[in-house]
Amino acid sequence: MKIYNTLTGKKEEFIPLSDGKVNMYACGITVSGDAHIGHAYQALIYDIIRKYLEKRGYKVTYARNYTDVDDKIIARSHETGIPALEYSEMMIEKIDELMRRFQVDDPDIWLKASENIGNIIDFVSKLIEGGHAYPTERGDVYFAVESFKDYGKLSGRKLEDAYESVRIENEENKRNPLDFALWKSAKEGEIFWASPWGKGRPGWHIECSAMNRQAFGDQIDIHGGGRDLIFPHHENEIAQSEALTGKQFAKYWIHNGLIKVNGQKMSKSLGNSLLLADLLDAFSPEAVKYALLQTNYRGDINVTDNLFKDAEKHMYGFYKTLAEVGDSGLTADYSGSGTIDEEFNRAMDDDFNTAKALADLFGIFKSIKAKLKAGDGTAVGDAEQVVKTYGLLGLFKSNPKEFISEYEAKNKQNVPDKVLELVAERAAAKQNRDWGRADAIRDEIAKLGYAVKDTKDGAVVEKL
């Protein structure tokens, strides 16, 4: 089993720090706003990685955090008049409910910055004692980047290059513009905690290092997050953690790609954020997952207008076949069905290649249809294996007939009256054996952007 390690820039054989055990941490959501598709994608990816490692026989402990105190949350607190931690708790409950609706499982350990203030203060104090951090007269504490000689090893940036892209904060109080805040002195009206340096709150980067250490100790096997976190967030985590312990912080760094909308980076400033709640109102969780998992997790996903519609159509087609298998009355024959699982494992062993695993489904279902037509009971065994194997990706969790019914009802509602009239005319033409007229009507329907397909249960209309 090989995974791509951002730290080394190559795929490596996965060998955990302790035989049979994996400790994994993924950076979660800063709860200043509603969950969007990027949050959902990241949660889905690490849930799948956790589950596949478990399938491979590892005992996995998966921790994930919520950043529940930061500048954006404080700004939202001021806007709404809701105290910062109450606002955070309200948003966490809302996001948790959405993720369960998306059918992503909780991690083994939930971590919150506000519940680890003591651990954070202790961590910062030890960095000061070791000469890696310094307090200012105003009560801020900064990490001294030049005290850590390996700074830049994750992102590949040389120290001098990093100056150009780092965000400068309170520069007048820093010894070096690259130094980053471990503890921020409280401004008037902000949430704060008492510390040896005065009233304040933790900086963003220190939260994950302190919570990791609290959950797992000095070292972990896998640290994950979005590619946008490589610099400066994960780079700074490495610096402060390894400066404190003198040990390698994480053995494998995994980063998922980003979401683009019609070729543009998704962002609030562009007004193109796709909220998870809106997506789940429009599409089934399985359709959204299928759409996202068609791209290998390290690549960026370009959300086009038809991405989720096409994904739901594919899932509808798969479920139609599963329903036919269920109605076939064939006796199940499981000989050969294990190959489906073996090929799935082969794809996932190659850096969790969900894109390859999903591409295999078309060949699998084509084979099932052929076997079904021939009255071969292995169609039943193969269908059951698909449901079992691909359930790890969160697919095929629904009752086939219920999925089909919901899909058809939803799509029928959106079909224009003109198209429905033509479908009725075509049905009448077929009844009268006027095949030429029926074909001509089908072409008229296609010009309006719809396809009509004949099934044993009648005609089905789908948007092209």
Protein backbone atom coordinates (compact mmCIF):
# COMPACT_ATOMS: atom_id res chain seq x y z
CA MET A 1 0.00 0.00 0.00
CA LYS A 2 1.48 3.31 -1.12
CA ILE A 3 0.43 6.86 -0.26
CA TYR A 4 1.73 10.18 -1.52
CA ASN A 5 3.69 12.00 1.18
CA THR A 6 3.80 15.79 0.71
CA LEU A 7 6.88 15.90 2.94
CA THR A 8 8.98 13.82 0.52
CA GLY A 9 7.10 14.63 -2.67
CA LYS A 10 6.61 11.00 -3.67
CA LYS A 11 4.54 7.89 -3.07
CA GLU A 12 5.86 5.78 -0.23
CA GLU A 13 5.08 2.36 1.18
CA PHE A 14 2.85 2.92 4.19
CA ILE A 15 4.57 1.73 7.36
CA PRO A 16 3.06 3.13 10.59
CA LEU A 17 5.11 4.06 13.64
CA SER A 18 3.63 1.14 15.61
CA ASP A 19 2.71 -2.20 14.05
CA GLY A 20 -1.00 -2.50 13.40
CA LYS A 21 -1.88 0.96 14.78
CA VAL A 22 -2.45 4.27 13.02
CA ASN A 23 -2.90 7.67 14.64
CA MET A 24 -4.37 10.17 12.20
CA TYR A 25 -5.25 13.84 12.56
CA ALA A 26 -7.03 16.08 10.05
CA CYS A 27 -7.52 19.82 10.32
CA GLY A 28 -11.23 20.54 10.54
CA ILE A 29 -13.46 23.55 10.04
CA THR A 30 -13.12 27.07 11.39
CA VAL A 31 -16.74 27.58 12.40
CA SER A 32 -17.16 31.20 11.36
CA GLY A 33 -19.71 30.36 8.67
CA ASP A 34 -21.81 27.63 7.08
CA ALA A 35 -20.22 24.43 5.79
CA HIS A 36 -19.51 24.46 2.05
CA ILE A 37 -18.61 21.77 -0.45
CA GLY A 38 -14.89 22.11 0.32
CA HIS A 39 -15.49 21.28 3.98
CA ALA A 40 -17.64 18.31 3.00
CA TYR A 41 -15.04 17.03 0.55
CA GLN A 42 -12.23 17.16 3.08
CA ALA A 43 -14.33 15.42 5.74
CA LEU A 44 -15.32 12.74 3.21
CA ILE A 45 -11.74 12.06 2.08
CA TYR A 46 -10.33 11.49 5.57
CA ASP A 47 -13.35 9.43 6.60
CA ILE A 48 -12.67 7.16 3.60
CA ILE A 49 -8.94 6.98 4.35
CA ARG A 50 -9.72 6.01 7.95
CA LYS A 51 -12.17 3.31 6.80
CA TYR A 52 -9.82 1.88 4.19
CA LEU A 53 -6.97 1.65 6.69
CA GLU A 54 -9.36 -0.22 8.99
CA LYS A 55 -10.28 -2.52 6.12
CA ARG A 56 -6.58 -3.24 5.70
CA GLY A 57 -6.52 -4.40 9.31
CA TYR A 58 -5.12 -1.37 11.13
CA LYS A 59 -6.53 -0.11 14.42
CA VAL A 60 -7.08 3.54 13.55
CA THR A 61 -7.57 6.43 15.95
CA TYR A 62 -8.77 9.41 13.97
CA ALA A 63 -8.85 12.88 15.50
CA ARG A 64 -10.33 15.99 13.96
CA ASN A 65 -10.62 19.51 15.29
CA TYR A 66 -12.97 22.43 15.21
CA THR A 67 -11.33 25.84 15.39
CA ASP A 68 -13.86 27.55 17.63
CA VAL A 69 -11.98 30.76 18.42
CA ASP A 70 -10.22 32.99 15.87
CA ASP A 71 -10.43 36.44 14.27
CA LYS A 72 -13.33 35.58 11.93
CA ILE A 73 -15.39 34.06 14.72
CA ILE A 74 -14.82 37.12 16.90
CA ALA A 75 -15.91 39.32 13.98
CA ARG A 76 -19.12 37.25 13.58
CA SER A 77 -19.67 37.49 17.32
CA HIS A 78 -19.55 41.28 17.13
CA GLU A 79 -21.89 41.31 14.10
CA THR A 80 -24.50 39.03 15.68
CA GLY A 81 -24.16 40.08 19.32
CA ILE A 82 -23.75 36.41 20.29
CA PRO A 83 -20.76 35.66 22.58
CA ALA A 84 -17.94 34.04 20.58
CA LEU A 85 -18.06 30.57 22.15
CA GLU A 86 -21.86 30.46 22.03
CA TYR A 87 -21.71 31.38 18.37
CA SER A 88 -19.12 28.65 17.76
CA GLU A 89 -21.19 26.04 19.58
CA MET A 90 -24.27 26.99 17.58
CA MET A 91 -22.34 26.62 14.31
CA ILE A 92 -20.77 23.32 15.37
CA GLU A 93 -24.20 21.83 16.06
CA LYS A 94 -25.41 23.05 12.67
CA ILE A 95 -22.37 21.67 10.82
CA ASP A 96 -22.48 18.34 12.68
CA GLU A 97 -26.10 17.89 11.64
CA LEU A 98 -25.21 18.61 8.01
CA MET A 99 -22.28 16.18 8.00
CA ARG A 100 -24.53 13.43 9.34
CA ARG A 101 -27.02 14.26 6.61
CA PHE A 102 -24.10 13.94 4.18
CA GLN A 103 -23.48 10.54 5.79
CA VAL A 104 -19.90 11.14 6.92
CA ASP A 105 -19.02 9.45 10.20
CA ASP A 106 -17.65 11.32 13.20
CA PRO A 107 -13.94 10.95 14.04
CA ASP A 108 -12.91 8.93 17.07
CA ILE A 109 -11.78 12.10 18.84
CA TRP A 110 -13.27 15.60 18.49
CA LEU A 111 -10.98 18.42 19.57
CA LYS A 112 -11.72 22.10 20.18
CA ALA A 113 -9.26 24.92 20.71
CA SER A 114 -11.32 26.43 23.55
CA GLU A 115 -11.11 23.16 25.51
CA ASN A 116 -7.31 23.00 25.24
CA ILE A 117 -6.24 26.43 26.46
CA GLY A 118 -4.18 24.95 29.31
CA ASN A 119 -2.37 22.61 26.92
CA ILE A 120 -1.71 25.49 24.55
CA ILE A 121 -0.30 27.74 27.30
CA ASP A 122 1.93 24.90 28.48
CA PHE A 123 3.17 24.30 24.92
CA VAL A 124 3.95 27.99 24.38
CA SER A 125 5.72 28.26 27.75
CA LYS A 126 8.02 25.36 26.84
CA LEU A 127 8.84 26.95 23.48
CA ILE A 128 9.83 30.16 25.27
CA GLU A 129 11.98 28.18 27.72
CA GLY A 130 13.69 26.46 24.79
CA GLY A 131 14.52 29.74 23.05
CA HIS A 132 12.10 29.13 20.17
CA ALA A 133 9.56 31.79 21.12
CA TYR A 134 9.49 35.19 22.79
CA PRO A 135 6.85 37.37 24.46
CA THR A 136 6.45 41.06 23.70
CA GLU A 137 5.72 43.90 26.08
CA ARG A 138 2.17 44.03 24.76
CA GLY A 139 1.51 40.42 25.73
CA ASP A 140 1.81 38.70 22.34
CA VAL A 141 4.04 35.64 21.94
CA TYR A 142 5.79 34.83 18.67
CA PHE A 143 7.59 31.78 17.36
CA ALA A 144 11.13 32.62 16.27
CA VAL A 145 11.26 31.02 12.81
CA GLU A 146 15.03 31.35 12.46
CA SER A 147 15.44 29.17 15.57
CA PHE A 148 14.18 26.17 13.59
CA LYS A 149 16.69 25.30 10.88
CA ASP A 150 14.35 23.02 8.90
CA TYR A 151 11.68 25.67 8.35
CA GLY A 152 10.23 25.23 4.86
CA LYS A 153 10.81 21.49 4.49
CA LEU A 154 7.13 20.68 3.90
CA SER A 155 6.35 23.41 1.39
CA GLY A 156 9.78 23.39 -0.20
CA ARG A 157 10.20 27.12 0.41
CA LYS A 158 13.52 28.58 1.31
CA LEU A 159 13.45 30.98 4.22
CA GLU A 160 14.11 34.01 2.05
CA ASP A 161 11.31 33.02 -0.39
CA ALA A 162 8.80 32.67 2.42
CA TYR A 163 9.02 36.38 3.21
CA GLU A 164 7.08 37.19 0.05
CA SER A 165 3.96 35.15 0.88
CA VAL A 166 3.66 35.20 4.66
CA ARG A 167 0.98 37.40 6.20
CA ILE A 168 2.56 40.12 8.29
CA GLU A 169 0.89 40.65 11.69
CA ASN A 170 1.94 43.23 14.27
CA GLU A 171 5.25 43.59 12.47
CA GLU A 172 6.49 46.28 14.81
CA ASN A 173 6.54 43.80 17.68
CA LYS A 174 8.33 41.01 15.82
CA ARG A 175 12.01 40.32 15.69
CA ASN A 176 11.54 38.88 12.22
CA PRO A 177 8.64 39.43 9.79
CA LEU A 178 8.31 35.62 9.35
CA ASP A 179 7.72 35.01 13.05
CA PHE A 180 4.14 33.95 13.69
CA ALA A 181 1.80 34.43 16.62
CA LEU A 182 1.49 31.68 19.23
CA TRP A 183 -0.52 33.82 21.64
CA LYS A 184 -2.41 37.02 20.81
CA SER A 185 -3.03 39.73 23.37
CA ALA A 186 -6.71 40.53 23.75
CA LYS A 187 -8.17 43.66 22.21
CA GLU A 188 -11.03 45.52 23.83
CA GLY A 189 -14.26 43.50 23.69
CA GLU A 190 -12.61 40.25 22.58
CA ILE A 191 -12.84 36.85 24.23
CA PHE A 192 -9.75 36.08 26.30
CA TRP A 193 -8.11 33.71 28.76
CA ALA A 194 -5.58 34.51 31.47
CA SER A 195 -1.98 33.55 30.70
CA PRO A 196 1.55 34.25 32.00
CA TRP A 197 1.75 36.97 29.32
CA GLY A 198 -1.56 38.64 30.09
CA LYS A 199 -5.09 38.29 28.78
CA GLY A 200 -5.27 36.79 25.32
CA ARG A 201 -6.10 33.83 23.12
CA PRO A 202 -4.17 31.27 21.07
CA GLY A 203 -2.91 31.84 17.56
CA TRP A 204 -4.29 29.52 14.89
CA HIS A 205 -1.19 27.39 14.23
CA ILE A 206 -0.46 26.46 17.84
CA GLU A 207 -3.93 25.02 18.36
CA CYS A 208 -3.38 21.99 16.13
CA SER A 209 0.08 21.24 17.50
CA ALA A 210 -1.10 21.38 21.11
CA MET A 211 -4.24 19.32 20.44
CA ASN A 212 -2.26 16.73 18.49
CA ARG A 213 0.16 16.35 21.36
CA GLN A 214 -2.68 16.06 23.84
CA ALA A 215 -4.38 13.34 21.80
CA PHE A 216 -1.38 11.34 20.54
CA GLY A 217 1.85 12.45 22.19
CA ASP A 218 4.93 13.68 20.34
CA GLN A 219 4.41 11.86 17.03
CA ILE A 220 1.60 10.81 14.72
CA ASP A 221 1.43 8.65 11.62
CA ILE A 222 -0.73 10.79 9.34
CA HIS A 223 -1.55 14.48 9.33
CA GLY A 224 -4.07 15.63 6.75
CA GLY A 225 -5.78 18.71 5.44
CA GLY A 226 -6.44 20.73 2.31
CA ARG A 227 -3.55 21.67 0.04
CA ASP A 228 -4.10 25.33 0.93
CA LEU A 229 -2.90 24.54 4.47
CA ILE A 230 0.60 23.38 3.46
CA PHE A 231 1.96 26.90 3.91
CA PRO A 232 1.91 28.50 6.33
CA HIS A 233 -0.33 26.43 8.64
CA HIS A 234 1.23 22.98 8.37
CA GLU A 235 4.70 24.38 7.91
CA ASN A 236 4.28 26.25 11.19
CA GLU A 237 2.87 23.19 12.94
CA ILE A 238 6.02 21.27 12.04
CA ALA A 239 8.25 24.08 13.23
CA GLN A 240 6.66 24.53 16.65
CA SER A 241 6.09 20.80 17.31
CA GLU A 242 9.54 19.63 16.28
CA ALA A 243 11.22 22.59 18.01
CA LEU A 244 9.53 21.46 21.23
CA THR A 245 10.10 17.70 21.02
CA GLY A 246 13.13 17.27 18.77
CA LYS A 247 11.21 14.45 17.03
CA GLN A 248 9.59 14.14 13.62
CA PHE A 249 6.04 15.41 14.14
CA ALA A 250 4.13 13.47 11.44
CA LYS A 251 5.49 10.65 9.30
CA TYR A 252 3.07 11.14 6.40
CA TRP A 253 1.49 14.40 5.29
CA ILE A 254 -1.62 14.00 3.10
CA HIS A 255 -3.26 16.93 1.33
CA ASN A 256 -6.45 16.93 -0.69
CA GLY A 257 -7.01 19.22 -3.66
CA LEU A 258 -9.24 22.28 -3.78
CA ILE A 259 -12.69 22.96 -5.20
CA LYS A 260 -13.04 25.19 -8.25
CA VAL A 261 -16.34 26.39 -9.68
CA ASN A 262 -16.35 26.59 -13.48
CA GLY A 263 -12.57 26.94 -13.42
CA GLN A 264 -12.37 29.57 -10.68
CA LYS A 265 -11.17 29.03 -7.14
CA MET A 266 -14.13 28.86 -4.78
CA SER A 267 -14.17 31.82 -2.40
CA LYS A 268 -16.56 34.12 -0.57
CA SER A 269 -15.07 37.15 -2.33
CA LEU A 270 -16.07 35.73 -5.72
CA GLY A 271 -19.51 34.80 -4.43
CA ASN A 272 -19.24 31.27 -5.80
CA SER A 273 -19.24 29.21 -2.61
CA LEU A 274 -21.37 26.08 -2.82
CA LEU A 275 -23.05 25.53 0.53
CA LEU A 276 -23.42 21.91 1.58
CA ALA A 277 -27.03 22.45 2.71
CA ASP A 278 -28.01 23.72 -0.75
CA LEU A 279 -26.35 20.77 -2.47
CA LEU A 280 -28.08 18.24 -0.23
CA ASP A 281 -31.42 19.93 -0.90
CA ALA A 282 -30.86 19.40 -4.61
CA PHE A 283 -29.04 16.06 -4.77
CA SER A 284 -28.71 12.83 -2.83
CA PRO A 285 -25.63 12.45 -0.60
CA GLU A 286 -24.50 9.56 -2.81
CA ALA A 287 -24.63 11.69 -5.95
CA VAL A 288 -22.51 14.38 -4.30
CA LYS A 289 -19.99 11.77 -3.13
CA TYR A 290 -19.85 10.10 -6.52
CA ALA A 291 -19.20 13.48 -8.16
CA LEU A 292 -16.38 14.36 -5.77
CA LEU A 293 -14.69 10.97 -5.78
CA GLN A 294 -14.34 10.82 -9.57
CA THR A 295 -11.16 12.86 -9.12
CA ASN A 296 -8.18 11.49 -7.21
CA TYR A 297 -8.11 13.25 -3.85
CA ARG A 298 -4.88 15.13 -4.61
CA GLY A 299 -6.31 16.80 -7.71
CA ASP A 300 -8.49 19.89 -7.82
CA ILE A 301 -12.18 19.35 -8.58
CA ASN A 302 -13.81 21.61 -11.14
CA VAL A 303 -17.50 21.89 -10.35
CA THR A 304 -19.29 22.50 -13.63
CA ASP A 305 -23.01 23.10 -14.01
CA ASN A 306 -23.77 19.44 -14.73
CA LEU A 307 -21.30 17.70 -12.40
CA PHE A 308 -23.80 16.67 -9.73
CA LYS A 309 -26.66 16.10 -12.19
CA ASP A 310 -24.51 13.69 -14.20
CA ALA A 311 -23.34 11.94 -11.04
CA GLU A 312 -26.91 11.40 -9.89
CA LYS A 313 -27.82 10.08 -13.32
CA HIS A 314 -24.97 7.54 -13.09
CA MET A 315 -26.11 6.45 -9.64
CA TYR A 316 -29.67 6.14 -10.97
CA GLY A 317 -28.43 3.83 -13.74
CA PHE A 318 -26.51 1.67 -11.27
CA TYR A 319 -29.51 1.44 -8.97
CA LYS A 320 -31.75 0.46 -11.91
CA THR A 321 -29.50 -2.54 -12.50
CA LEU A 322 -29.47 -3.43 -8.79
CA ALA A 323 -33.27 -3.30 -8.75
CA GLU A 324 -33.42 -5.61 -11.77
CA VAL A 325 -31.07 -8.03 -10.03
CA GLY A 326 -33.31 -7.96 -6.95
CA ASP A 327 -36.38 -8.74 -9.06
CA SER A 328 -34.69 -11.44 -11.14
CA GLY A 329 -35.42 -14.36 -8.85
CA LEU A 330 -32.00 -15.82 -9.69
CA THR A 331 -30.18 -17.95 -7.14
CA ALA A 332 -27.07 -16.15 -5.93
CA ASP A 333 -23.74 -17.50 -7.15
CA TYR A 334 -20.73 -15.91 -5.48
CA SER A 335 -18.01 -17.56 -7.54
CA GLY A 336 -15.75 -14.84 -8.88
CA SER A 337 -17.37 -11.95 -7.02
CA GLY A 338 -14.27 -11.56 -4.87
CA THR A 339 -12.48 -10.12 -7.90
CA ILE A 340 -14.54 -6.95 -7.53
CA ASP A 341 -13.17 -6.42 -4.03
CA GLU A 342 -9.63 -7.29 -5.09
CA GLU A 343 -9.68 -4.71 -7.89
CA PHE A 344 -11.13 -2.12 -5.54
CA ASN A 345 -8.33 -2.79 -3.04
CA ARG A 346 -5.75 -2.55 -5.81
CA ALA A 347 -7.03 0.92 -6.72
CA MET A 348 -7.17 2.09 -3.11
CA ASP A 349 -3.71 0.69 -2.35
CA ASP A 350 -2.41 3.12 -4.96
CA ASP A 351 -2.76 6.31 -2.93
CA PHE A 352 -6.50 5.86 -2.24
CA ASN A 353 -7.37 6.10 -5.95
CA THR A 354 -11.14 6.47 -5.77
CA ALA A 355 -11.20 7.73 -9.38
CA LYS A 356 -9.95 4.34 -10.62
CA ALA A 357 -12.32 2.47 -8.30
CA LEU A 358 -15.33 4.40 -9.64
CA ALA A 359 -14.23 4.01 -13.27
CA ASP A 360 -14.28 0.24 -12.71
CA LEU A 361 -17.99 0.39 -11.87
CA PHE A 362 -19.00 0.82 -15.52
CA GLY A 363 -17.34 -2.43 -16.54
CA ILE A 364 -18.71 -4.22 -13.49
CA PHE A 365 -22.30 -3.16 -14.16
CA LYS A 366 -22.00 -3.95 -17.88
CA SER A 367 -20.96 -7.46 -16.87
CA ILE A 368 -23.82 -7.75 -14.35
CA LYS A 369 -26.33 -6.74 -17.04
CA ALA A 370 -24.97 -9.36 -19.45
CA LYS A 371 -25.09 -12.05 -16.77
CA LEU A 372 -28.61 -10.99 -15.83
CA LYS A 373 -29.75 -11.31 -19.44
CA ALA A 374 -28.20 -14.78 -19.61
CA GLY A 375 -29.92 -15.87 -16.38
CA ASP A 376 -26.55 -16.29 -14.68
CA GLY A 377 -26.74 -16.28 -10.86
CA THR A 378 -23.29 -14.68 -10.57
CA ALA A 379 -25.08 -11.42 -11.44
CA VAL A 380 -26.61 -11.58 -7.96
CA GLY A 381 -23.28 -12.36 -6.28
CA ASP A 382 -21.53 -9.55 -8.14
CA ALA A 383 -24.28 -7.05 -7.29
CA GLU A 384 -24.12 -7.92 -3.60
CA GLN A 385 -20.32 -7.57 -3.67
CA VAL A 386 -20.56 -4.12 -5.27
CA VAL A 387 -22.89 -2.96 -2.49
CA LYS A 388 -20.55 -4.33 0.17
CA THR A 389 -17.27 -3.12 -1.33
CA TYR A 390 -18.32 0.34 -2.50
CA GLY A 391 -20.17 1.01 0.72
CA LEU A 392 -16.76 2.07 2.05
CA LEU A 393 -17.02 5.12 -0.24
CA GLY A 394 -20.50 5.88 1.06
CA LEU A 395 -22.23 4.54 -2.07
CA PHE A 396 -25.08 2.05 -2.53
CA LYS A 397 -26.45 2.68 0.94
CA SER A 398 -30.01 3.29 -0.28
CA ASN A 399 -32.82 0.92 -1.11
CA PRO A 400 -32.63 0.65 -4.94
CA LYS A 401 -36.34 1.12 -5.57
CA GLU A 402 -36.55 4.08 -3.19
CA PHE A 403 -33.57 5.77 -4.87
CA ILE A 404 -35.12 5.18 -8.30
CA SER A 405 -38.51 6.46 -7.20
CA GLU A 406 -37.08 9.63 -5.64
CA TYR A 407 -34.89 10.32 -8.67
CA GLU A 408 -37.74 9.87 -11.13
CA ALA A 409 -40.15 11.96 -9.07
CA LYS A 410 -37.61 14.77 -8.73
CA ASN A 411 -36.70 14.80 -12.41
CA LYS A 412 -40.29 14.50 -13.57
CA GLN A 413 -41.18 17.65 -11.63
CA ASN A 414 -38.57 19.58 -13.56
CA VAL A 415 -39.64 18.40 -17.03
CA PRO A 416 -41.42 21.16 -19.01
CA ASP A 417 -45.04 20.60 -20.00
CA LYS A 418 -44.09 20.73 -23.68
CA VAL A 419 -41.73 17.77 -23.22
CA LEU A 420 -44.35 15.80 -21.28
CA GLU A 421 -46.88 16.44 -24.09
CA LEU A 422 -44.41 15.12 -26.65
CA VAL A 423 -43.74 12.04 -24.50
CA ALA A 424 -47.48 11.35 -24.44
CA GLU A 425 -47.70 11.82 -28.23
CA ARG A 426 -44.79 9.44 -28.72
CA ALA A 427 -46.46 6.84 -26.54
CA ALA A 428 -49.61 7.13 -28.68
CA ALA A 429 -47.56 6.82 -31.89
CA LYS A 430 -45.90 3.67 -30.58
CA GLN A 431 -49.29 2.28 -29.58
CA ASN A 432 -50.40 2.82 -33.20
CA ARG A 433 -47.14 1.27 -34.46
CA ASP A 434 -46.24 4.55 -36.15
CA TRP A 435 -42.51 4.04 -35.56
CA GLY A 436 -41.43 6.86 -37.86
CA ARG A 437 -43.55 9.40 -35.98
CA ALA A 438 -42.29 8.02 -32.63
CA ASP A 439 -38.68 8.49 -33.74
CA ALA A 440 -39.38 12.00 -34.98
CA ILE A 441 -40.94 12.96 -31.65
CA ARG A 442 -37.93 11.53 -29.81
CA ASP A 443 -35.71 13.83 -31.89
CA GLU A 444 -37.96 16.82 -31.03
CA ILE A 445 -37.61 15.95 -27.35
CA ALA A 446 -33.80 15.78 -27.73
CA LYS A 447 -33.77 19.29 -29.27
CA LEU A 448 -35.49 20.52 -26.11
CA GLY A 449 -32.64 19.05 -24.01
CA TYR A 450 -34.25 15.80 -22.85
CA ALA A 451 -33.95 12.11 -23.59
CA VAL A 452 -36.77 9.59 -23.41
CA LYS A 453 -35.95 5.98 -22.61
CA ASP A 454 -38.28 3.00 -22.70
CA THR A 455 -38.30 0.68 -19.70
CA LYS A 456 -40.53 -2.18 -18.64
CA ASP A 457 -42.24 0.29 -16.28
CA GLY A 458 -42.87 2.83 -19.05
CA ALA A 459 -41.03 5.79 -20.55
CA VAL A 460 -38.45 7.65 -18.43
CA VAL A 461 -37.48 11.24 -19.25
CA GLU A 462 -34.02 12.53 -18.38
CA LYS A 463 -32.29 15.86 -18.95
CA LEU A 464 -29.42 15.61 -21.40
